[in-house]
C-alpha cells in the first residue's frame, strides 16, 4: 500500500453518535471517512464505486446484519482488497467464529474499547493487510 495515499475507511453502524465520534477521530488521524447507518446504505456506497482500505461494521443492525453485509460484499466482490473489522457489542463465540469464516481480520467489542484503541487496531490490521 502506498504510504502517501490517504487511507479510506467505511464505518457501518446504526448508532449515529458512534458514527459521528469515529468519523471525527479518524478524520483527525488523516483518514478519508465514509459512514453508513445501515448495511443497505453501505452496499450502495460500495456499489457506487467507493473503495475503502478497511471496513468496520456492527453486527446488530435493523434489516441485514453486519455479518450478512460482509458476506454480500464478498459475494459481489465489492472492495475486494479491503480488510474487515467487526465493531460490535456482540461478544458471542458463535458470532466471532462466523466473522472469522467470512475472513474478518479483527473483532472489537465496543463496550471494552475507546476510539483510540479502535484507531490503533485499524492501523495494526492495515499494516498487516497487504493488498495485492
Protein backbone atom coordinates (compact mmCIF):
# COMPACT_ATOMS: atom_id res chain seq x y z
CA UNK A 1 0.00 0.00 0.00
CA UNK A 2 1.31 3.43 -0.89
CA UNK A 3 2.07 5.17 2.41
CA UNK A 4 1.42 8.60 0.85
CA UNK A 5 -2.09 7.63 -0.16
CA UNK A 6 -4.89 8.71 2.17
CA UNK A 7 -6.35 5.61 3.76
CA UNK A 8 -10.07 5.19 3.29
CA UNK A 9 -12.36 3.77 5.92
CA UNK A 10 -16.06 2.89 5.82
CA UNK A 11 -18.00 2.68 9.09
CA UNK A 12 -21.30 0.79 9.15
CA UNK A 13 -23.35 1.21 12.32
CA UNK A 14 -26.93 2.22 13.10
CA UNK A 15 -25.73 4.33 16.07
CA UNK A 16 -25.38 7.87 14.69
CA UNK A 17 -23.48 9.08 17.79
CA UNK A 18 -20.80 6.40 17.27
CA UNK A 19 -20.60 7.13 13.54
CA UNK A 20 -20.01 10.82 14.27
CA UNK A 21 -17.46 10.08 17.00
CA UNK A 22 -15.44 7.68 14.87
CA UNK A 23 -15.71 9.94 11.81
CA UNK A 24 -14.14 12.81 13.77
CA UNK A 25 -11.45 10.58 15.32
CA UNK A 26 -10.40 9.01 12.02
CA UNK A 27 -10.62 12.24 10.00
CA UNK A 28 -8.28 13.90 12.50
CA UNK A 29 -5.92 10.93 12.08
CA UNK A 30 -5.78 11.60 8.32
CA UNK A 31 -8.29 9.10 7.02
CA UNK A 32 -10.93 9.67 4.39
CA UNK A 33 -14.10 8.56 6.16
CA UNK A 34 -17.47 7.43 4.85
CA UNK A 35 -20.20 6.42 7.25
CA UNK A 36 -23.38 4.44 6.67
CA UNK A 37 -26.17 3.98 9.20
CA UNK A 38 -27.42 0.78 7.53
CA UNK A 39 -25.97 -2.13 5.60
CA UNK A 40 -28.17 -1.13 2.65
CA UNK A 41 -26.58 2.33 2.51
CA UNK A 42 -23.11 0.82 2.91
CA UNK A 43 -23.72 -1.54 -0.01
CA UNK A 44 -24.94 1.39 -2.12
CA UNK A 45 -21.77 3.38 -1.29
CA UNK A 46 -19.62 0.40 -2.35
CA UNK A 47 -21.69 -0.36 -5.46
CA UNK A 48 -21.35 3.30 -6.44
CA UNK A 49 -17.59 2.81 -6.59
CA UNK A 50 -16.18 3.74 -3.17
CA UNK A 51 -13.15 1.55 -2.48
CA UNK A 52 -12.15 1.67 1.19
CA UNK A 53 -8.95 0.17 2.57
CA UNK A 54 -10.84 -1.03 5.62
CA UNK A 55 -14.47 -1.50 6.62
CA UNK A 56 -15.69 -1.50 10.23
CA UNK A 57 -19.17 -2.90 10.71
CA UNK A 58 -21.50 -3.53 13.62
CA UNK A 59 -23.28 -6.88 13.69
CA UNK A 60 -26.67 -5.98 15.18
CA UNK A 61 -28.49 -3.56 12.88
CA UNK A 62 -32.02 -3.29 11.50
CA UNK A 63 -32.56 -5.18 8.27
CA UNK A 64 -29.47 -7.03 7.12
CA UNK A 65 -26.91 -7.51 9.89
CA UNK A 66 -23.17 -6.87 9.72
CA UNK A 67 -22.22 -10.49 9.04
CA UNK A 68 -24.72 -10.67 6.15
CA UNK A 69 -23.23 -7.38 4.93
CA UNK A 70 -19.69 -8.82 4.91
CA UNK A 71 -21.00 -11.87 3.07
CA UNK A 72 -22.73 -9.67 0.45
CA UNK A 73 -19.60 -7.56 -0.06
CA UNK A 74 -17.54 -10.73 -0.58
CA UNK A 75 -20.10 -12.33 -2.95
CA UNK A 76 -20.40 -9.19 -5.07
CA UNK A 77 -16.62 -8.65 -4.98
CA UNK A 78 -17.07 -5.09 -3.74
CA UNK A 79 -13.96 -3.58 -2.14
CA UNK A 80 -12.14 -6.85 -2.84
CA UNK A 81 -8.91 -5.73 -1.17
CA UNK A 82 -10.50 -4.14 1.89
CA UNK A 83 -9.84 -5.50 5.36
CA UNK A 84 -12.85 -6.01 7.63
CA UNK A 85 -13.19 -5.39 11.34
CA UNK A 86 -16.37 -6.18 13.24
CA UNK A 87 -17.01 -3.35 15.72
CA UNK A 88 -19.86 -4.61 17.84
CA UNK A 89 -21.17 -5.35 21.30
CA UNK A 90 -21.79 -8.96 20.30
CA UNK A 91 -19.09 -10.97 22.04
CA UNK A 92 -20.58 -14.41 21.47
CA UNK A 93 -18.17 -17.11 20.33
CA UNK A 94 -20.56 -18.09 17.50
CA UNK A 95 -20.53 -14.52 16.12
CA UNK A 96 -16.73 -14.35 16.33
CA UNK A 97 -16.43 -17.74 14.59
CA UNK A 98 -18.81 -16.69 11.82
CA UNK A 99 -16.86 -13.45 11.33
CA UNK A 100 -13.58 -15.40 11.08
CA UNK A 101 -15.12 -17.75 8.48
CA UNK A 102 -16.02 -14.67 6.42
CA UNK A 103 -12.40 -13.52 6.51
CA UNK A 104 -12.81 -10.71 9.03
CA UNK A 105 -9.37 -9.51 10.18
CA UNK A 106 -10.30 -8.40 13.66
CA UNK A 107 -13.18 -8.33 16.11
CA UNK A 108 -13.61 -5.44 18.54
CA UNK A 109 -16.19 -5.39 21.34
CA UNK A 110 -17.35 -1.75 21.56
CA UNK A 111 -18.09 -1.80 25.28
CA UNK A 112 -14.47 -2.58 26.14
CA UNK A 113 -12.69 -0.13 23.84
CA UNK A 114 -12.24 3.60 23.35
CA UNK A 115 -11.86 5.29 19.94
CA UNK A 116 -8.07 5.50 20.22
CA UNK A 117 -7.94 1.70 20.74
CA UNK A 118 -10.08 1.24 17.63
CA UNK A 119 -7.77 3.53 15.65
CA UNK A 120 -4.77 1.54 16.90
CA UNK A 121 -6.37 -1.74 15.85
CA UNK A 122 -7.20 -0.32 12.40
CA UNK A 123 -3.57 0.77 11.98
CA UNK A 124 -2.38 -2.70 13.02
CA UNK A 125 -4.78 -4.51 10.69
CA UNK A 126 -3.87 -2.24 7.76
CA UNK A 127 -0.14 -2.72 8.31
CA UNK A 128 -0.62 -6.49 8.32
CA UNK A 129 -3.12 -6.48 5.45
CA UNK A 130 -1.15 -6.28 2.24
CA UNK A 131 -3.15 -5.63 -0.87
CA UNK A 132 -2.05 -7.46 -3.99
